[in-house]
Amino acid sequence: AYQSRVATSERILRDLYNQRSEQSLAVPGDRSKLDAIRRRLLLAE
């Protein structure tokens, strides 16, 4: 049951993060959160 919730949330989040248009990321904080995650992953690499 919890895995179903995880899968649904991850799928929607992936779709939202792939929408890099200015309309969906009008506020700097929306994009900065994704950039912070990517920066963290790159530093881990």
PDB file of all heavy atoms in Angstrom:
ATOM      1  N   ALA A   1       0.833  -1.205   0.000  1.00  0.00           N
ATOM      2  CA  ALA A   1       0.000   0.000   0.000  1.00  0.00           C
ATOM      3  C   ALA A   1       0.868   1.256   0.000  1.00  0.00           C
ATOM      4  O   ALA A   1       0.605   2.213  -0.734  1.00  0.00           O
ATOM      5  CB  ALA A   1      -0.932  -0.017   1.205  1.00  0.00           C
ATOM      6  N   TYR A   2       1.915   1.241   0.827  1.00  0.00           N
ATOM      7  CA  TYR A   2       2.814   2.393   0.860  1.00  0.00           C
ATOM      8  C   TYR A   2       3.612   2.504  -0.439  1.00  0.00           C
ATOM      9  O   TYR A   2       3.895   3.612  -0.915  1.00  0.00           O
ATOM     10  CB  TYR A   2       3.773   2.282   2.054  1.00  0.00           C
ATOM     11  CG  TYR A   2       3.158   2.728   3.360  1.00  0.00           C
ATOM     12  CD1 TYR A   2       2.924   1.814   4.383  1.00  0.00           C
ATOM     13  CD2 TYR A   2       2.805   4.054   3.565  1.00  0.00           C
ATOM     14  CE1 TYR A   2       2.356   2.210   5.580  1.00  0.00           C
ATOM     15  CE2 TYR A   2       2.241   4.472   4.766  1.00  0.00           C
ATOM     16  CZ  TYR A   2       2.015   3.543   5.760  1.00  0.00           C
ATOM     17  OH  TYR A   2       1.461   3.955   6.946  1.00  0.00           O
ATOM     18  N   GLN A   3       3.973   1.353  -1.040  1.00  0.00           N
ATOM     19  CA  GLN A   3       4.733   1.386  -2.274  1.00  0.00           C
ATOM     20  C   GLN A   3       3.920   1.990  -3.405  1.00  0.00           C
ATOM     21  O   GLN A   3       4.450   2.691  -4.272  1.00  0.00           O
ATOM     22  CB  GLN A   3       5.180  -0.030  -2.652  1.00  0.00           C
ATOM     23  CG  GLN A   3       6.063  -0.095  -3.882  1.00  0.00           C
ATOM     24  CD  GLN A   3       7.342   0.717  -3.718  1.00  0.00           C
ATOM     25  OE1 GLN A   3       7.909   0.781  -2.622  1.00  0.00           O
ATOM     26  NE2 GLN A   3       7.779   1.373  -4.794  1.00  0.00           N
ATOM     27  N   SER A   4       2.611   1.751  -3.382  1.00  0.00           N
ATOM     28  CA  SER A   4       1.730   2.354  -4.382  1.00  0.00           C
ATOM     29  C   SER A   4       1.748   3.875  -4.254  1.00  0.00           C
ATOM     30  O   SER A   4       1.792   4.602  -5.254  1.00  0.00           O
ATOM     31  CB  SER A   4       0.307   1.814  -4.221  1.00  0.00           C
ATOM     32  OG  SER A   4      -0.582   2.468  -5.104  1.00  0.00           O
ATOM     33  N   ARG A   5       1.711   4.363  -2.995  1.00  0.00           N
ATOM     34  CA  ARG A   5       1.759   5.811  -2.773  1.00  0.00           C
ATOM     35  C   ARG A   5       3.105   6.370  -3.246  1.00  0.00           C
ATOM     36  O   ARG A   5       3.169   7.453  -3.849  1.00  0.00           O
ATOM     37  CB  ARG A   5       1.548   6.130  -1.297  1.00  0.00           C
ATOM     38  CG  ARG A   5       1.472   7.620  -1.027  1.00  0.00           C
ATOM     39  CD  ARG A   5       1.625   7.956   0.451  1.00  0.00           C
ATOM     40  NE  ARG A   5       0.586   7.337   1.267  1.00  0.00           N
ATOM     41  CZ  ARG A   5       0.494   7.511   2.582  1.00  0.00           C
ATOM     42  NH1 ARG A   5       1.395   8.277   3.217  1.00  0.00           N
ATOM     43  NH2 ARG A   5      -0.463   6.923   3.273  1.00  0.00           N
ATOM     44  N   VAL A   6       4.192   5.652  -2.961  1.00  0.00           N
ATOM     45  CA  VAL A   6       5.518   6.099  -3.375  1.00  0.00           C
ATOM     46  C   VAL A   6       5.617   6.172  -4.896  1.00  0.00           C
ATOM     47  O   VAL A   6       6.093   7.158  -5.463  1.00  0.00           O
ATOM     48  CB  VAL A   6       6.606   5.146  -2.815  1.00  0.00           C
ATOM     49  CG1 VAL A   6       7.963   5.442  -3.467  1.00  0.00           C
ATOM     50  CG2 VAL A   6       6.707   5.280  -1.312  1.00  0.00           C
ATOM     51  N   ALA A   7       5.130   5.118  -5.569  1.00  0.00           N
ATOM     52  CA  ALA A   7       5.221   5.080  -7.028  1.00  0.00           C
ATOM     53  C   ALA A   7       4.421   6.207  -7.669  1.00  0.00           C
ATOM     54  O   ALA A   7       4.888   6.863  -8.629  1.00  0.00           O
ATOM     55  CB  ALA A   7       4.729   3.722  -7.535  1.00  0.00           C
ATOM     56  N   THR A   8       3.218   6.450  -7.142  1.00  0.00           N
ATOM     57  CA  THR A   8       2.391   7.528  -7.696  1.00  0.00           C
ATOM     58  C   THR A   8       3.051   8.881  -7.500  1.00  0.00           C
ATOM     59  O   THR A   8       3.106   9.715  -8.424  1.00  0.00           O
ATOM     60  CB  THR A   8       1.006   7.517  -7.027  1.00  0.00           C
ATOM     61  OG1 THR A   8       0.387   6.249  -7.234  1.00  0.00           O
ATOM     62  CG2 THR A   8       0.129   8.615  -7.603  1.00  0.00           C
ATOM     63  N   SER A   9       3.565   9.147  -6.298  1.00  0.00           N
ATOM     64  CA  SER A   9       4.205  10.437  -6.003  1.00  0.00           C
ATOM     65  C   SER A   9       5.442  10.636  -6.863  1.00  0.00           C
ATOM     66  O   SER A   9       5.686  11.727  -7.403  1.00  0.00           O
ATOM     67  CB  SER A   9       4.572  10.510  -4.514  1.00  0.00           C
ATOM     68  OG  SER A   9       3.421  10.409  -3.706  1.00  0.00           O
ATOM     69  N   GLU A  10       6.256   9.572  -7.003  1.00  0.00           N
ATOM     70  CA  GLU A  10       7.474   9.694  -7.795  1.00  0.00           C
ATOM     71  C   GLU A  10       7.166   9.943  -9.270  1.00  0.00           C
ATOM     72  O   GLU A  10       7.865  10.706  -9.940  1.00  0.00           O
ATOM     73  CB  GLU A  10       8.308   8.422  -7.640  1.00  0.00           C
ATOM     74  CG  GLU A  10       8.983   8.302  -6.278  1.00  0.00           C
ATOM     75  CD  GLU A  10       9.805   7.037  -6.161  1.00  0.00           C
ATOM     76  OE1 GLU A  10       9.536   6.094  -6.940  1.00  0.00           O
ATOM     77  OE2 GLU A  10      10.710   7.006  -5.306  1.00  0.00           O
ATOM     78  N   ARG A  11       6.122   9.315  -9.784  1.00  0.00           N
ATOM     79  CA  ARG A  11       5.769   9.520 -11.183  1.00  0.00           C
ATOM     80  C   ARG A  11       5.340  10.957 -11.447  1.00  0.00           C
ATOM     81  O   ARG A  11       5.782  11.589 -12.418  1.00  0.00           O
ATOM     82  CB  ARG A  11       4.639   8.555 -11.574  1.00  0.00           C
ATOM     83  CG  ARG A  11       4.140   8.745 -13.010  1.00  0.00           C
ATOM     84  CD  ARG A  11       3.065   7.728 -13.357  1.00  0.00           C
ATOM     85  NE  ARG A  11       1.971   7.749 -12.400  1.00  0.00           N
ATOM     86  CZ  ARG A  11       0.982   8.652 -12.420  1.00  0.00           C
ATOM     87  NH1 ARG A  11       0.981   9.621 -13.335  1.00  0.00           N
ATOM     88  NH2 ARG A  11       0.012   8.601 -11.514  1.00  0.00           N
ATOM     89  N   ILE A  12       4.468  11.498 -10.564  1.00  0.00           N
ATOM     90  CA  ILE A  12       4.000  12.880 -10.752  1.00  0.00           C
ATOM     91  C   ILE A  12       5.149  13.863 -10.583  1.00  0.00           C
ATOM     92  O   ILE A  12       5.281  14.848 -11.342  1.00  0.00           O
ATOM     93  CB  ILE A  12       2.854  13.190  -9.772  1.00  0.00           C
ATOM     94  CG1 ILE A  12       1.675  12.236 -10.019  1.00  0.00           C
ATOM     95  CG2 ILE A  12       2.395  14.635  -9.921  1.00  0.00           C
ATOM     96  CD1 ILE A  12       0.548  12.384  -9.016  1.00  0.00           C
ATOM     97  N   LEU A  13       6.014  13.627  -9.584  1.00  0.00           N
ATOM     98  CA  LEU A  13       7.158  14.510  -9.369  1.00  0.00           C
ATOM     99  C   LEU A  13       8.092  14.501 -10.574  1.00  0.00           C
ATOM    100  O   LEU A  13       8.606  15.546 -10.988  1.00  0.00           O
ATOM    101  CB  LEU A  13       7.929  14.081  -8.115  1.00  0.00           C
ATOM    102  CG  LEU A  13       7.376  14.547  -6.769  1.00  0.00           C
ATOM    103  CD1 LEU A  13       8.140  13.896  -5.628  1.00  0.00           C
ATOM    104  CD2 LEU A  13       7.464  16.066  -6.652  1.00  0.00           C
ATOM    105  N   ARG A  14       8.307  13.313 -11.161  1.00  0.00           N
ATOM    106  CA  ARG A  14       9.172  13.245 -12.329  1.00  0.00           C
ATOM    107  C   ARG A  14       8.605  14.052 -13.480  1.00  0.00           C
ATOM    108  O   ARG A  14       9.321  14.779 -14.175  1.00  0.00           O
ATOM    109  CB  ARG A  14       9.348  11.774 -12.743  1.00  0.00           C
ATOM    110  CG  ARG A  14      10.301  11.597 -13.930  1.00  0.00           C
ATOM    111  CD  ARG A  14      10.491  10.136 -14.305  1.00  0.00           C
ATOM    112  NE  ARG A  14       9.236   9.547 -14.770  1.00  0.00           N
ATOM    113  CZ  ARG A  14       8.540   8.641 -14.087  1.00  0.00           C
ATOM    114  NH1 ARG A  14       8.947   8.242 -12.897  1.00  0.00           N
ATOM    115  NH2 ARG A  14       7.424   8.139 -14.589  1.00  0.00           N
ATOM    116  N   ASP A  15       7.287  13.964 -13.667  1.00  0.00           N
ATOM    117  CA  ASP A  15       6.647  14.732 -14.736  1.00  0.00           C
ATOM    118  C   ASP A  15       6.770  16.232 -14.493  1.00  0.00           C
ATOM    119  O   ASP A  15       7.028  17.020 -15.414  1.00  0.00           O
ATOM    120  CB  ASP A  15       5.179  14.337 -14.860  1.00  0.00           C
ATOM    121  CG  ASP A  15       4.998  12.897 -15.350  1.00  0.00           C
ATOM    122  OD1 ASP A  15       5.958  12.358 -15.941  1.00  0.00           O
ATOM    123  OD2 ASP A  15       3.914  12.330 -15.110  1.00  0.00           O
ATOM    124  N   LEU A  16       6.582  16.639 -13.228  1.00  0.00           N
ATOM    125  CA  LEU A  16       6.676  18.066 -12.904  1.00  0.00           C
ATOM    126  C   LEU A  16       8.104  18.576 -13.086  1.00  0.00           C
ATOM    127  O   LEU A  16       8.330  19.686 -13.589  1.00  0.00           O
ATOM    128  CB  LEU A  16       6.205  18.305 -11.468  1.00  0.00           C
ATOM    129  CG  LEU A  16       4.703  18.172 -11.209  1.00  0.00           C
ATOM    130  CD1 LEU A  16       4.404  18.270  -9.720  1.00  0.00           C
ATOM    131  CD2 LEU A  16       3.939  19.253 -11.958  1.00  0.00           C
ATOM    132  N   TYR A  17       9.098  17.799 -12.650  1.00  0.00           N
ATOM    133  CA  TYR A  17      10.486  18.230 -12.778  1.00  0.00           C
ATOM    134  C   TYR A  17      10.937  18.294 -14.233  1.00  0.00           C
ATOM    135  O   TYR A  17      11.847  19.041 -14.579  1.00  0.00           O
ATOM    136  CB  TYR A  17      11.400  17.285 -11.998  1.00  0.00           C
ATOM    137  CG  TYR A  17      11.388  17.519 -10.500  1.00  0.00           C
ATOM    138  CD1 TYR A  17      11.602  16.473  -9.612  1.00  0.00           C
ATOM    139  CD2 TYR A  17      11.162  18.785  -9.978  1.00  0.00           C
ATOM    140  CE1 TYR A  17      11.593  16.678  -8.246  1.00  0.00           C
ATOM    141  CE2 TYR A  17      11.148  19.002  -8.626  1.00  0.00           C
ATOM    142  CZ  TYR A  17      11.366  17.956  -7.755  1.00  0.00           C
ATOM    143  OH  TYR A  17      11.362  18.171  -6.399  1.00  0.00           O
ATOM    144  N   ASN A  18      10.301  17.484 -15.089  1.00  0.00           N
ATOM    145  CA  ASN A  18      10.654  17.523 -16.507  1.00  0.00           C
ATOM    146  C   ASN A  18      10.037  18.708 -17.231  1.00  0.00           C
ATOM    147  O   ASN A  18      10.443  19.039 -18.354  1.00  0.00           O
ATOM    148  CB  ASN A  18      10.221  16.221 -17.190  1.00  0.00           C
ATOM    149  CG  ASN A  18      11.088  15.048 -16.788  1.00  0.00           C
ATOM    150  OD1 ASN A  18      12.254  15.239 -16.446  1.00  0.00           O
ATOM    151  ND2 ASN A  18      10.537  13.841 -16.816  1.00  0.00           N
ATOM    152  N   GLN A  19       9.067  19.334 -16.603  1.00  0.00           N
ATOM    153  CA  GLN A  19       8.433  20.517 -17.197  1.00  0.00           C
ATOM    154  C   GLN A  19       9.245  21.753 -16.811  1.00  0.00           C
ATOM    155  O   GLN A  19       8.977  22.385 -15.798  1.00  0.00           O
ATOM    156  CB  GLN A  19       6.983  20.650 -16.719  1.00  0.00           C
ATOM    157  CG  GLN A  19       6.076  19.506 -17.173  1.00  0.00           C
ATOM    158  CD  GLN A  19       4.708  19.580 -16.535  1.00  0.00           C
ATOM    159  OE1 GLN A  19       4.397  20.533 -15.823  1.00  0.00           O
ATOM    160  NE2 GLN A  19       3.886  18.580 -16.792  1.00  0.00           N
ATOM    161  N   ARG A  20      10.259  22.061 -17.590  1.00  0.00           N
ATOM    162  CA  ARG A  20      11.165  23.157 -17.250  1.00  0.00           C
ATOM    163  C   ARG A  20      10.750  24.486 -17.865  1.00  0.00           C
ATOM    164  O   ARG A  20      11.532  25.433 -17.918  1.00  0.00           O
ATOM    165  CB  ARG A  20      12.577  22.827 -17.745  1.00  0.00           C
ATOM    166  CG  ARG A  20      13.175  21.577 -17.161  1.00  0.00           C
ATOM    167  CD  ARG A  20      13.654  21.804 -15.758  1.00  0.00           C
ATOM    168  NE  ARG A  20      14.794  22.716 -15.786  1.00  0.00           N
ATOM    169  CZ  ARG A  20      15.489  23.033 -14.708  1.00  0.00           C
ATOM    170  NH1 ARG A  20      15.152  22.547 -13.554  1.00  0.00           N
ATOM    171  NH2 ARG A  20      16.498  23.867 -14.796  1.00  0.00           N
ATOM    172  N   SER A  21       9.531  24.561 -18.351  1.00  0.00           N
ATOM    173  CA  SER A  21       9.096  25.809 -18.978  1.00  0.00           C
ATOM    174  C   SER A  21       8.920  26.875 -17.926  1.00  0.00           C
ATOM    175  O   SER A  21       8.696  26.603 -16.753  1.00  0.00           O
ATOM    176  CB  SER A  21       7.772  25.590 -19.720  1.00  0.00           C
ATOM    177  OG  SER A  21       6.742  25.271 -18.805  1.00  0.00           O
ATOM    178  N   GLU A  22       8.982  28.114 -18.327  1.00  0.00           N
ATOM    179  CA  GLU A  22       8.857  29.230 -17.394  1.00  0.00           C
ATOM    180  C   GLU A  22       7.458  29.327 -16.803  1.00  0.00           C
ATOM    181  O   GLU A  22       7.269  29.865 -15.714  1.00  0.00           O
ATOM    182  CB  GLU A  22       9.213  30.535 -18.094  1.00  0.00           C
ATOM    183  CG  GLU A  22      10.678  30.613 -18.492  1.00  0.00           C
ATOM    184  CD  GLU A  22      11.014  31.971 -19.060  1.00  0.00           C
ATOM    185  OE1 GLU A  22      10.108  32.823 -19.104  1.00  0.00           O
ATOM    186  OE2 GLU A  22      12.170  32.172 -19.445  1.00  0.00           O
ATOM    187  N   GLN A  23       6.476  28.801 -17.505  1.00  0.00           N
ATOM    188  CA  GLN A  23       5.116  28.867 -16.973  1.00  0.00           C
ATOM    189  C   GLN A  23       4.986  28.000 -15.737  1.00  0.00           C
ATOM    190  O   GLN A  23       4.366  28.389 -14.752  1.00  0.00           O
ATOM    191  CB  GLN A  23       4.113  28.404 -18.023  1.00  0.00           C
ATOM    192  CG  GLN A  23       3.893  29.407 -19.137  1.00  0.00           C
ATOM    193  CD  GLN A  23       2.811  28.949 -20.092  1.00  0.00           C
ATOM    194  OE1 GLN A  23       2.413  27.778 -20.087  1.00  0.00           O
ATOM    195  NE2 GLN A  23       2.331  29.867 -20.888  1.00  0.00           N
ATOM    196  N   SER A  24       5.556  26.818 -15.759  1.00  0.00           N
ATOM    197  CA  SER A  24       5.420  25.926 -14.619  1.00  0.00           C
ATOM    198  C   SER A  24       6.413  26.223 -13.530  1.00  0.00           C
ATOM    199  O   SER A  24       6.256  25.792 -12.406  1.00  0.00           O
ATOM    200  CB  SER A  24       5.595  24.469 -15.060  1.00  0.00           C
ATOM    201  OG  SER A  24       6.887  24.289 -15.606  1.00  0.00           O
ATOM    202  N   LEU A  25       7.489  26.987 -13.871  1.00  0.00           N
ATOM    203  CA  LEU A  25       8.504  27.300 -12.869  1.00  0.00           C
ATOM    204  C   LEU A  25       8.662  28.805 -12.788  1.00  0.00           C
ATOM    205  O   LEU A  25       9.749  29.334 -12.928  1.00  0.00           O
ATOM    206  CB  LEU A  25       9.836  26.629 -13.232  1.00  0.00           C
ATOM    207  CG  LEU A  25       9.817  25.096 -13.232  1.00  0.00           C
ATOM    208  CD1 LEU A  25      11.135  24.568 -13.767  1.00  0.00           C
ATOM    209  CD2 LEU A  25       9.539  24.550 -11.865  1.00  0.00           C
ATOM    210  N   ALA A  26       7.563  29.481 -12.593  1.00  0.00           N
ATOM    211  CA  ALA A  26       7.579  30.947 -12.614  1.00  0.00           C
ATOM    212  C   ALA A  26       8.295  31.518 -11.407  1.00  0.00           C
ATOM    213  O   ALA A  26       8.868  32.589 -11.465  1.00  0.00           O
ATOM    214  CB  ALA A  26       6.146  31.479 -12.663  1.00  0.00           C
ATOM    215  N   VAL A  27       8.248  30.838 -10.278  1.00  0.00           N
ATOM    216  CA  VAL A  27       8.865  31.340  -9.057  1.00  0.00           C
ATOM    217  C   VAL A  27      10.256  30.752  -8.924  1.00  0.00           C
ATOM    218  O   VAL A  27      10.446  29.550  -9.127  1.00  0.00           O
ATOM    219  CB  VAL A  27       8.011  30.964  -7.825  1.00  0.00           C
ATOM    220  CG1 VAL A  27       8.665  31.432  -6.547  1.00  0.00           C
ATOM    221  CG2 VAL A  27       6.621  31.571  -7.967  1.00  0.00           C
ATOM    222  N   PRO A  28      11.272  31.572  -8.605  1.00  0.00           N
ATOM    223  CA  PRO A  28      12.626  31.066  -8.525  1.00  0.00           C
ATOM    224  C   PRO A  28      12.763  29.877  -7.589  1.00  0.00           C
ATOM    225  O   PRO A  28      13.579  28.985  -7.822  1.00  0.00           O
ATOM    226  CB  PRO A  28      13.419  32.288  -8.000  1.00  0.00           C
ATOM    227  CG  PRO A  28      12.631  33.467  -8.436  1.00  0.00           C
ATOM    228  CD  PRO A  28      11.196  33.029  -8.401  1.00  0.00           C
ATOM    229  N   GLY A  29      11.997  29.821  -6.513  1.00  0.00           N
ATOM    230  CA  GLY A  29      12.121  28.733  -5.560  1.00  0.00           C
ATOM    231  C   GLY A  29      11.750  27.393  -6.143  1.00  0.00           C
ATOM    232  O   GLY A  29      12.259  26.349  -5.726  1.00  0.00           O
ATOM    233  N   ASP A  30      10.821  27.354  -7.135  1.00  0.00           N
ATOM    234  CA  ASP A  30      10.438  26.093  -7.761  1.00  0.00           C
ATOM    235  C   ASP A  30      11.638  25.449  -8.453  1.00  0.00           C
ATOM    236  O   ASP A  30      11.871  24.252  -8.349  1.00  0.00           O
ATOM    237  CB  ASP A  30       9.326  26.338  -8.782  1.00  0.00           C
ATOM    238  CG  ASP A  30       8.066  26.882  -8.135  1.00  0.00           C
ATOM    239  OD1 ASP A  30       7.837  26.561  -6.962  1.00  0.00           O
ATOM    240  OD2 ASP A  30       7.335  27.622  -8.805  1.00  0.00           O
ATOM    241  N   ARG A  31      12.354  26.263  -9.169  1.00  0.00           N
ATOM    242  CA  ARG A  31      13.487  25.743  -9.925  1.00  0.00           C
ATOM    243  C   ARG A  31      14.700  25.518  -9.028  1.00  0.00           C
ATOM    244  O   ARG A  31      15.469  24.565  -9.239  1.00  0.00           O
ATOM    245  CB  ARG A  31      13.834  26.732 -11.034  1.00  0.00           C
ATOM    246  CG  ARG A  31      14.903  26.218 -11.974  1.00  0.00           C
ATOM    247  CD  ARG A  31      15.035  27.146 -13.157  1.00  0.00           C
ATOM    248  NE  ARG A  31      16.062  26.674 -14.058  1.00  0.00           N
ATOM    249  CZ  ARG A  31      16.344  27.281 -15.204  1.00  0.00           C
ATOM    250  NH1 ARG A  31      15.658  28.323 -15.587  1.00  0.00           N
ATOM    251  NH2 ARG A  31      17.308  26.814 -15.976  1.00  0.00           N
ATOM    252  N   SER A  32      14.880  26.353  -8.015  1.00  0.00           N
ATOM    253  CA  SER A  32      16.053  26.232  -7.167  1.00  0.00           C
ATOM    254  C   SER A  32      16.053  24.928  -6.390  1.00  0.00           C
ATOM    255  O   SER A  32      17.104  24.364  -6.105  1.00  0.00           O
ATOM    256  CB  SER A  32      16.117  27.412  -6.187  1.00  0.00           C
ATOM    257  OG  SER A  32      15.012  27.401  -5.324  1.00  0.00           O
ATOM    258  N   LYS A  33      14.853  24.423  -6.053  1.00  0.00           N
ATOM    259  CA  LYS A  33      14.798  23.164  -5.319  1.00  0.00           C
ATOM    260  C   LYS A  33      15.326  22.035  -6.184  1.00  0.00           C
ATOM    261  O   LYS A  33      16.109  21.200  -5.724  1.00  0.00           O
ATOM    262  CB  LYS A  33      13.366  22.881  -4.866  1.00  0.00           C
ATOM    263  CG  LYS A  33      13.225  21.564  -4.112  1.00  0.00           C
ATOM    264  CD  LYS A  33      11.843  21.388  -3.543  1.00  0.00           C
ATOM    265  CE  LYS A  33      11.609  22.300  -2.372  1.00  0.00           C
ATOM    266  NZ  LYS A  33      10.353  21.998  -1.671  1.00  0.00           N
ATOM    267  N   LEU A  34      14.906  21.978  -7.452  1.00  0.00           N
ATOM    268  CA  LEU A  34      15.399  20.950  -8.366  1.00  0.00           C
ATOM    269  C   LEU A  34      16.898  21.114  -8.597  1.00  0.00           C
ATOM    270  O   LEU A  34      17.650  20.128  -8.619  1.00  0.00           O
ATOM    271  CB  LEU A  34      14.646  21.028  -9.692  1.00  0.00           C
ATOM    272  CG  LEU A  34      15.103  20.062 -10.796  1.00  0.00           C
ATOM    273  CD1 LEU A  34      14.998  18.621 -10.324  1.00  0.00           C
ATOM    274  CD2 LEU A  34      14.288  20.279 -12.054  1.00  0.00           C
ATOM    275  N   ASP A  35      17.351  22.348  -8.765  1.00  0.00           N
ATOM    276  CA  ASP A  35      18.780  22.588  -8.970  1.00  0.00           C
ATOM    277  C   ASP A  35      19.590  22.147  -7.763  1.00  0.00           C
ATOM    278  O   ASP A  35      20.699  21.629  -7.902  1.00  0.00           O
ATOM    279  CB  ASP A  35      19.028  24.074  -9.256  1.00  0.00           C
ATOM    280  CG  ASP A  35      18.570  24.471 -10.652  1.00  0.00           C
ATOM    281  OD1 ASP A  35      18.361  23.563 -11.478  1.00  0.00           O
ATOM    282  OD2 ASP A  35      18.405  25.682 -10.903  1.00  0.00           O
ATOM    283  N   ALA A  36      19.062  22.357  -6.558  1.00  0.00           N
ATOM    284  CA  ALA A  36      19.762  21.937  -5.342  1.00  0.00           C
ATOM    285  C   ALA A  36      19.908  20.418  -5.298  1.00  0.00           C
ATOM    286  O   ALA A  36      20.955  19.888  -4.902  1.00  0.00           O
ATOM    287  CB  ALA A  36      19.012  22.436  -4.111  1.00  0.00           C
ATOM    288  N   ILE A  37      18.847  19.710  -5.715  1.00  0.00           N
ATOM    289  CA  ILE A  37      18.906  18.247  -5.749  1.00  0.00           C
ATOM    290  C   ILE A  37      19.942  17.781  -6.767  1.00  0.00           C
ATOM    291  O   ILE A  37      20.764  16.904  -6.490  1.00  0.00           O
ATOM    292  CB  ILE A  37      17.516  17.669  -6.067  1.00  0.00           C
ATOM    293  CG1 ILE A  37      16.536  17.967  -4.928  1.00  0.00           C
ATOM    294  CG2 ILE A  37      17.604  16.168  -6.302  1.00  0.00           C
ATOM    295  CD1 ILE A  37      15.106  17.588  -5.232  1.00  0.00           C
ATOM    296  N   ARG A  38      19.913  18.383  -7.958  1.00  0.00           N
ATOM    297  CA  ARG A  38      20.864  17.984  -8.993  1.00  0.00           C
ATOM    298  C   ARG A  38      22.297  18.304  -8.576  1.00  0.00           C
ATOM    299  O   ARG A  38      23.218  17.524  -8.842  1.00  0.00           O
ATOM    300  CB  ARG A  38      20.517  18.699 -10.300  1.00  0.00           C
ATOM    301  CG  ARG A  38      19.262  18.129 -10.961  1.00  0.00           C
ATOM    302  CD  ARG A  38      18.896  18.860 -12.207  1.00  0.00           C
ATOM    303  NE  ARG A  38      17.865  18.152 -12.952  1.00  0.00           N
ATOM    304  CZ  ARG A  38      17.159  18.678 -13.922  1.00  0.00           C
ATOM    305  NH1 ARG A  38      17.370  19.921 -14.278  1.00  0.00           N
ATOM    306  NH2 ARG A  38      16.231  17.961 -14.554  1.00  0.00           N
ATOM    307  N   ARG A  39      22.485  19.449  -7.929  1.00  0.00           N
ATOM    308  CA  ARG A  39      23.828  19.801  -7.454  1.00  0.00           C
ATOM    309  C   ARG A  39      24.322  18.773  -6.434  1.00  0.00           C
ATOM    310  O   ARG A  39      25.488  18.363  -6.450  1.00  0.00           O
ATOM    311  CB  ARG A  39      23.812  21.200  -6.843  1.00  0.00           C
ATOM    312  CG  ARG A  39      25.161  21.631  -6.287  1.00  0.00           C
ATOM    313  CD  ARG A  39      25.113  23.056  -5.746  1.00  0.00           C
ATOM    314  NE  ARG A  39      26.374  23.417  -5.149  1.00  0.00           N
ATOM    315  CZ  ARG A  39      27.435  23.834  -5.825  1.00  0.00           C
ATOM    316  NH1 ARG A  39      27.370  23.951  -7.139  1.00  0.00           N
ATOM    317  NH2 ARG A  39      28.555  24.134  -5.213  1.00  0.00           N
ATOM    318  N   ARG A  40      23.425  18.369  -5.553  1.00  0.00           N
ATOM    319  CA  ARG A  40      23.800  17.379  -4.542  1.00  0.00           C
ATOM    320  C   ARG A  40      24.196  16.052  -5.188  1.00  0.00           C
ATOM    321  O   ARG A  40      25.168  15.403  -4.771  1.00  0.00           O
ATOM    322  CB  ARG A  40      22.625  17.182  -3.573  1.00  0.00           C
ATOM    323  CG  ARG A  40      22.925  16.256  -2.411  1.00  0.00           C
ATOM    324  CD  ARG A  40      21.791  16.316  -1.402  1.00  0.00           C
ATOM    325  NE  ARG A  40      22.006  15.392  -0.302  1.00  0.00           N
ATOM    326  CZ  ARG A  40      21.213  15.305   0.769  1.00  0.00           C
ATOM    327  NH1 ARG A  40      20.168  16.104   0.854  1.00  0.00           N
ATOM    328  NH2 ARG A  40      21.465  14.442   1.719  1.00  0.00           N
ATOM    329  N   LEU A  41      23.467  15.644  -6.210  1.00  0.00           N
ATOM    330  CA  LEU A  41      23.777  14.398  -6.901  1.00  0.00           C
ATOM    331  C   LEU A  41      25.106  14.499  -7.652  1.00  0.00           C
ATOM    332  O   LEU A  41      25.912  13.556  -7.656  1.00  0.00           O
ATOM    333  CB  LEU A  41      22.645  14.053  -7.878  1.00  0.00           C
ATOM    334  CG  LEU A  41      21.284  13.728  -7.242  1.00  0.00           C
ATOM    335  CD1 LEU A  41      20.240  13.506  -8.320  1.00  0.00           C
ATOM    336  CD2 LEU A  41      21.383  12.513  -6.335  1.00  0.00           C
ATOM    337  N   LEU A  42      25.351  15.647  -8.288  1.00  0.00           N
ATOM    338  CA  LEU A  42      26.612  15.832  -9.008  1.00  0.00           C
ATOM    339  C   LEU A  42      27.801  15.821  -8.052  1.00  0.00           C
ATOM    340  O   LEU A  42      28.860  15.258  -8.356  1.00  0.00           O
ATOM    341  CB  LEU A  42      26.579  17.144  -9.798  1.00  0.00           C
ATOM    342  CG  LEU A  42      25.644  17.171 -11.018  1.00  0.00           C
ATOM    343  CD1 LEU A  42      25.552  18.582 -11.589  1.00  0.00           C
ATOM    344  CD2 LEU A  42      26.138  16.202 -12.100  1.00  0.00           C
ATOM    345  N   LEU A  43      27.636  16.435  -6.889  1.00  0.00           N
ATOM    346  CA  LEU A  43      28.708  16.420  -5.894  1.00  0.00           C
ATOM    347  C   LEU A  43      28.948  15.011  -5.370  1.00  0.00           C
ATOM    348  O   LEU A  43      30.092  14.628  -5.077  1.00  0.00           O
ATOM    349  CB  LEU A  43      28.356  17.363  -4.734  1.00  0.00           C
ATOM    350  CG  LEU A  43      28.378  18.859  -5.067  1.00  0.00           C
ATOM    351  CD1 LEU A  43      27.881  19.681  -3.879  1.00  0.00           C
ATOM    352  CD2 LEU A  43      29.780  19.299  -5.466  1.00  0.00           C
ATOM    353  N   ALA A  44      27.869  14.222  -5.248  1.00  0.00           N
ATOM    354  CA  ALA A  44      28.032  12.822  -4.833  1.00  0.00           C
ATOM    355  C   ALA A  44      28.819  12.047  -5.889  1.00  0.00           C
ATOM    356  O   ALA A  44      29.683  11.218  -5.563  1.00  0.00           O
ATOM    357  CB  ALA A  44      26.655  12.183  -4.605  1.00  0.00           C
ATOM    358  N   GLU A  45      28.525  12.319  -7.164  1.00  0.00           N
ATOM    359  CA  GLU A  45      29.282  11.680  -8.242  1.00  0.00           C
ATOM    360  C   GLU A  45      30.759  12.067  -8.176  1.00  0.00           C
ATOM    361  O   GLU A  45      31.651  11.228  -8.359  1.00  0.00           O
ATOM    362  CB  GLU A  45      28.700  12.064  -9.602  1.00  0.00           C
ATOM    363  CG  GLU A  45      27.333  11.460  -9.906  1.00  0.00           C
ATOM    364  CD  GLU A  45      26.896  11.746 -11.335  1.00  0.00           C
ATOM    365  OE1 GLU A  45      27.733  11.586 -12.245  1.00  0.00           O
ATOM    366  OE2 GLU A  45      25.732  12.137 -11.538  1.00  0.00           O
TER     367      GLU A  45
END
